N, C-alpha and C. Protein backbone atom coordinates (compact mmCIF):
# COMPACT_ATOMS: atom_id res chain seq x y z
N MET A 1 0.97 -1.22 0.02
CA MET A 1 0.02 -0.02 0.02
C MET A 1 0.87 1.26 0.06
N SER A 2 0.79 2.09 -1.01
CA SER A 2 1.51 3.31 -1.09
C SER A 2 0.62 4.42 -0.59
N LEU A 3 1.33 5.33 0.05
CA LEU A 3 0.59 6.47 0.50
C LEU A 3 0.57 7.51 -0.63
N SER A 4 -0.43 8.27 -0.59
CA SER A 4 -0.63 9.33 -1.40
C SER A 4 0.02 10.70 -0.90
N ALA A 5 0.29 11.68 -1.75
CA ALA A 5 0.81 12.91 -1.15
C ALA A 5 -0.16 13.60 -0.34
N ASP A 6 -1.55 13.58 -0.66
CA ASP A 6 -2.56 14.19 0.19
C ASP A 6 -2.49 13.49 1.61
N GLU A 7 -2.32 12.19 1.69
CA GLU A 7 -2.28 11.53 2.96
C GLU A 7 -1.00 11.93 3.90
N VAL A 8 0.08 12.15 3.03
CA VAL A 8 1.40 12.66 3.64
C VAL A 8 1.09 14.14 4.15
N ARG A 9 0.57 14.91 3.34
CA ARG A 9 0.25 16.29 3.92
C ARG A 9 -0.72 16.33 4.98
N ARG A 10 -1.71 15.40 5.12
CA ARG A 10 -2.61 15.28 6.19
C ARG A 10 -1.91 14.93 7.38
N VAL A 11 -0.91 13.93 7.42
CA VAL A 11 -0.15 13.54 8.58
C VAL A 11 0.72 14.71 8.91
N ALA A 12 1.30 15.32 8.03
CA ALA A 12 2.19 16.56 8.32
C ALA A 12 1.36 17.55 8.98
N ASP A 13 0.19 17.81 8.62
CA ASP A 13 -0.75 18.90 9.29
C ASP A 13 -0.97 18.40 10.59
N LEU A 14 -1.30 17.23 10.73
CA LEU A 14 -1.69 16.78 12.12
C LEU A 14 -0.50 16.80 13.12
N ALA A 15 0.75 16.68 12.48
CA ALA A 15 1.93 16.75 13.41
C ALA A 15 2.42 18.28 13.46
N ARG A 16 1.76 19.10 12.91
CA ARG A 16 2.06 20.54 12.72
C ARG A 16 3.43 20.80 12.14
N LEU A 17 3.61 20.08 10.97
CA LEU A 17 4.90 20.19 10.22
C LEU A 17 4.58 20.87 8.82
N GLU A 18 5.50 21.75 8.50
CA GLU A 18 5.34 22.32 7.19
C GLU A 18 6.28 21.60 6.19
N LEU A 19 5.78 21.02 5.07
CA LEU A 19 6.67 20.41 4.26
C LEU A 19 6.53 21.04 2.82
N SER A 20 7.73 21.02 2.30
CA SER A 20 7.69 21.64 0.89
C SER A 20 7.23 20.46 0.02
N ASP A 21 7.09 20.84 -1.36
CA ASP A 21 6.75 19.71 -2.26
C ASP A 21 7.72 18.56 -2.36
N ALA A 22 9.04 19.01 -2.28
CA ALA A 22 10.20 18.10 -2.44
C ALA A 22 10.15 17.13 -1.17
N ASP A 23 9.91 17.82 -0.01
CA ASP A 23 9.68 17.05 1.31
C ASP A 23 8.58 16.05 1.16
N VAL A 24 7.41 16.41 0.63
CA VAL A 24 6.21 15.61 0.47
C VAL A 24 6.60 14.37 -0.24
N ASP A 25 7.27 14.57 -1.35
CA ASP A 25 7.84 13.59 -2.39
C ASP A 25 8.62 12.57 -1.64
N ALA A 26 9.58 13.04 -0.74
CA ALA A 26 10.40 12.22 -0.11
C ALA A 26 9.56 11.41 0.98
N MET A 27 8.71 12.10 1.55
CA MET A 27 8.06 11.35 2.70
C MET A 27 7.09 10.37 2.06
N VAL A 28 6.53 10.51 0.95
CA VAL A 28 5.64 9.63 0.31
C VAL A 28 6.43 8.21 0.13
N ARG A 29 7.64 8.43 -0.42
CA ARG A 29 8.46 7.12 -0.65
C ARG A 29 8.90 6.51 0.70
N GLN A 30 9.39 7.41 1.65
CA GLN A 30 9.80 6.84 3.00
C GLN A 30 8.71 6.27 3.87
N LEU A 31 7.60 6.91 4.01
CA LEU A 31 6.44 6.42 4.81
C LEU A 31 5.82 5.29 4.10
N GLY A 32 5.75 5.23 2.73
CA GLY A 32 5.30 4.19 1.98
C GLY A 32 6.10 2.85 2.24
N ALA A 33 7.43 3.06 2.47
CA ALA A 33 8.24 1.95 2.63
C ALA A 33 8.06 1.39 4.07
N ILE A 34 7.83 2.27 4.85
CA ILE A 34 7.42 1.91 6.37
C ILE A 34 6.11 1.09 6.36
N VAL A 35 5.13 1.45 5.77
CA VAL A 35 3.94 0.91 5.68
C VAL A 35 3.91 -0.36 5.01
N ASP A 36 4.70 -0.44 3.85
CA ASP A 36 4.80 -1.75 3.23
C ASP A 36 5.64 -2.76 4.14
N TYR A 37 6.64 -2.23 4.96
CA TYR A 37 7.42 -3.25 5.71
C TYR A 37 6.26 -3.74 6.89
N ILE A 38 5.51 -2.79 7.34
CA ILE A 38 4.56 -3.23 8.44
C ILE A 38 3.48 -4.26 7.98
N ASN A 39 3.06 -4.13 6.63
CA ASN A 39 2.24 -5.04 5.93
C ASN A 39 2.89 -6.39 5.86
N GLN A 40 4.12 -6.35 5.52
CA GLN A 40 4.88 -7.50 5.33
C GLN A 40 5.00 -8.20 6.76
N LEU A 41 5.13 -7.42 7.94
CA LEU A 41 5.24 -8.06 9.21
C LEU A 41 3.76 -8.66 9.59
N GLN A 42 2.84 -8.23 9.15
CA GLN A 42 1.51 -8.47 9.56
C GLN A 42 1.27 -9.95 8.90
N GLN A 43 2.03 -10.33 7.89
CA GLN A 43 1.65 -11.60 7.22
C GLN A 43 2.45 -12.79 8.05
N LEU A 44 3.27 -12.52 9.05
CA LEU A 44 3.95 -13.49 9.81
C LEU A 44 2.93 -14.21 10.80
N ASN A 45 3.03 -15.58 10.90
CA ASN A 45 2.33 -16.22 11.85
C ASN A 45 2.95 -16.03 13.23
N THR A 46 2.23 -15.35 14.13
CA THR A 46 2.80 -15.14 15.51
C THR A 46 2.05 -15.92 16.50
N ASP A 47 1.25 -16.93 16.12
CA ASP A 47 0.41 -17.66 17.07
C ASP A 47 1.16 -18.23 18.20
N ALA A 48 2.41 -18.72 17.91
CA ALA A 48 3.11 -19.38 19.10
C ALA A 48 4.03 -18.37 19.78
N VAL A 49 3.97 -17.06 19.45
CA VAL A 49 4.91 -16.19 20.11
C VAL A 49 4.14 -15.60 21.33
N GLU A 50 4.70 -15.71 22.43
CA GLU A 50 4.21 -15.13 23.66
C GLU A 50 4.23 -13.59 23.66
N PRO A 51 3.11 -12.95 24.12
CA PRO A 51 3.21 -11.51 24.17
C PRO A 51 4.22 -10.94 25.10
N LEU A 52 4.83 -9.86 24.78
CA LEU A 52 6.00 -9.30 25.68
C LEU A 52 5.46 -7.85 26.01
N ALA A 53 5.92 -7.55 27.26
CA ALA A 53 5.73 -6.14 27.69
C ALA A 53 7.03 -5.43 27.29
N HIS A 54 8.26 -6.03 27.21
CA HIS A 54 9.39 -5.50 26.85
C HIS A 54 10.36 -6.42 26.15
N ALA A 55 11.09 -6.03 25.16
CA ALA A 55 12.01 -6.93 24.42
C ALA A 55 13.02 -7.56 25.20
N LEU A 56 13.46 -6.85 26.28
CA LEU A 56 14.58 -7.30 27.12
C LEU A 56 13.93 -7.82 28.48
N ASP A 57 14.77 -8.64 29.09
CA ASP A 57 14.47 -9.08 30.51
C ASP A 57 14.58 -8.10 31.34
N VAL A 58 13.51 -7.33 31.78
CA VAL A 58 13.65 -6.19 32.66
C VAL A 58 13.19 -6.62 34.09
N HIS A 59 13.88 -6.21 35.02
CA HIS A 59 13.33 -6.45 36.44
C HIS A 59 13.23 -5.18 37.08
N ASP A 60 12.47 -5.22 38.25
CA ASP A 60 12.30 -4.04 39.02
C ASP A 60 13.36 -3.46 39.65
N VAL A 61 13.84 -2.24 39.26
CA VAL A 61 15.11 -1.66 39.77
C VAL A 61 14.97 -0.82 40.95
N PHE A 62 13.68 -0.72 41.40
CA PHE A 62 13.45 0.20 42.59
C PHE A 62 13.69 -0.68 43.91
N ARG A 63 13.98 0.12 44.95
CA ARG A 63 14.12 -0.58 46.36
C ARG A 63 12.77 -0.86 46.93
N ASP A 64 12.66 -1.73 47.76
CA ASP A 64 11.43 -1.89 48.59
C ASP A 64 11.13 -0.61 49.33
N ASP A 65 9.82 -0.33 49.33
CA ASP A 65 9.35 0.86 50.04
C ASP A 65 9.29 0.57 51.58
N VAL A 66 10.21 1.03 52.29
CA VAL A 66 10.28 0.65 53.66
C VAL A 66 10.31 1.96 54.43
N PRO A 67 9.45 2.03 55.44
CA PRO A 67 9.40 3.29 56.24
C PRO A 67 10.64 3.50 57.01
N GLY A 68 11.11 4.68 57.00
CA GLY A 68 12.38 5.06 57.74
C GLY A 68 12.08 6.28 58.67
N THR A 69 13.18 6.79 59.19
CA THR A 69 13.05 7.97 59.92
C THR A 69 12.79 9.18 59.06
N SER A 70 12.02 10.14 59.52
CA SER A 70 11.66 11.37 58.87
C SER A 70 12.37 12.58 59.48
N LEU A 71 12.37 13.72 58.69
CA LEU A 71 12.89 14.91 59.14
C LEU A 71 11.83 15.45 60.21
N SER A 72 12.25 16.15 61.18
CA SER A 72 11.38 16.92 62.01
C SER A 72 10.87 18.14 61.28
N PRO A 73 9.69 18.72 61.65
CA PRO A 73 9.34 19.89 60.97
C PRO A 73 10.37 21.03 60.99
N ASP A 74 11.11 21.13 62.06
CA ASP A 74 12.12 22.21 62.14
C ASP A 74 13.22 21.86 61.21
N GLU A 75 13.61 20.72 60.99
CA GLU A 75 14.76 20.35 60.08
C GLU A 75 14.30 20.41 58.60
N ALA A 76 12.83 19.98 58.32
CA ALA A 76 12.41 20.09 57.02
C ALA A 76 12.19 21.63 56.55
N LEU A 77 11.83 22.51 57.50
CA LEU A 77 11.56 23.90 57.22
C LEU A 77 12.88 24.68 57.45
N ALA A 78 13.95 24.34 57.64
CA ALA A 78 15.03 25.03 58.09
C ALA A 78 15.44 26.12 57.01
N ASN A 79 15.36 25.75 55.72
CA ASN A 79 15.60 26.65 54.60
C ASN A 79 14.60 27.37 53.95
N ALA A 80 13.26 27.16 54.64
CA ALA A 80 12.20 27.75 54.02
C ALA A 80 12.22 29.22 54.01
N PRO A 81 11.86 30.13 52.95
CA PRO A 81 11.89 31.38 53.03
C PRO A 81 10.82 32.06 53.92
N ALA A 82 9.77 31.34 53.98
CA ALA A 82 8.73 31.73 54.94
C ALA A 82 8.02 30.53 55.43
N ARG A 83 7.48 30.67 56.64
CA ARG A 83 6.89 29.45 57.37
C ARG A 83 5.78 29.97 58.30
N LYS A 84 4.76 29.13 58.33
CA LYS A 84 3.66 29.38 59.31
C LYS A 84 3.41 27.97 60.05
N ASP A 85 3.61 28.16 61.34
CA ASP A 85 3.62 26.95 62.20
C ASP A 85 4.64 25.68 61.40
N ASP A 86 4.02 24.63 61.04
CA ASP A 86 4.73 23.56 60.61
C ASP A 86 4.67 23.35 59.01
N PHE A 87 4.34 24.54 58.42
CA PHE A 87 4.07 24.62 56.95
C PHE A 87 4.83 25.55 56.32
N TYR A 88 5.24 25.30 54.94
CA TYR A 88 5.74 26.35 54.14
C TYR A 88 4.68 27.48 53.92
N ARG A 89 5.06 28.76 54.06
CA ARG A 89 4.18 29.88 53.66
C ARG A 89 4.42 30.28 52.41
N VAL A 90 3.33 30.23 51.42
CA VAL A 90 3.44 30.67 50.10
C VAL A 90 2.52 31.81 49.88
N PRO A 91 2.79 32.56 48.86
CA PRO A 91 1.88 33.77 48.64
C PRO A 91 0.54 33.24 48.06
N PRO A 92 -0.57 33.79 48.41
CA PRO A 92 -1.78 33.39 48.02
C PRO A 92 -2.05 33.42 46.41
N VAL A 93 -2.78 32.39 45.86
CA VAL A 93 -2.87 32.28 44.46
C VAL A 93 -4.11 32.92 44.05
N PHE A 94 -5.23 32.80 44.72
CA PHE A 94 -6.53 33.37 44.34
C PHE A 94 -6.83 34.52 45.08
N GLY A 95 -5.95 35.28 45.85
CA GLY A 95 -6.10 36.48 46.45
C GLY A 95 -5.93 36.30 47.99
N ASP A 96 -6.42 37.24 48.84
CA ASP A 96 -6.05 37.08 50.24
C ASP A 96 -6.90 36.14 50.92
């Protein structure tokens, strides 16, 4: 399936790209080759292929979420430019 110049212009418009006529001609060939390759891949029998979430064997790289000691309010707010009780004081967003 080859793409038409109008289809390429439509995709470029959706992507907010400005393409010259020469660019459109190049994209017709390049995107057409990509679509043809995808069509070729769709003809493969993948019934015995197990679905993958990732092509590589990926494992959880995060540490366990274990509770630990926390900073005291005085330590946490030591560098705060403004403070009210145990909270950061920030300028009002919607007025006073």
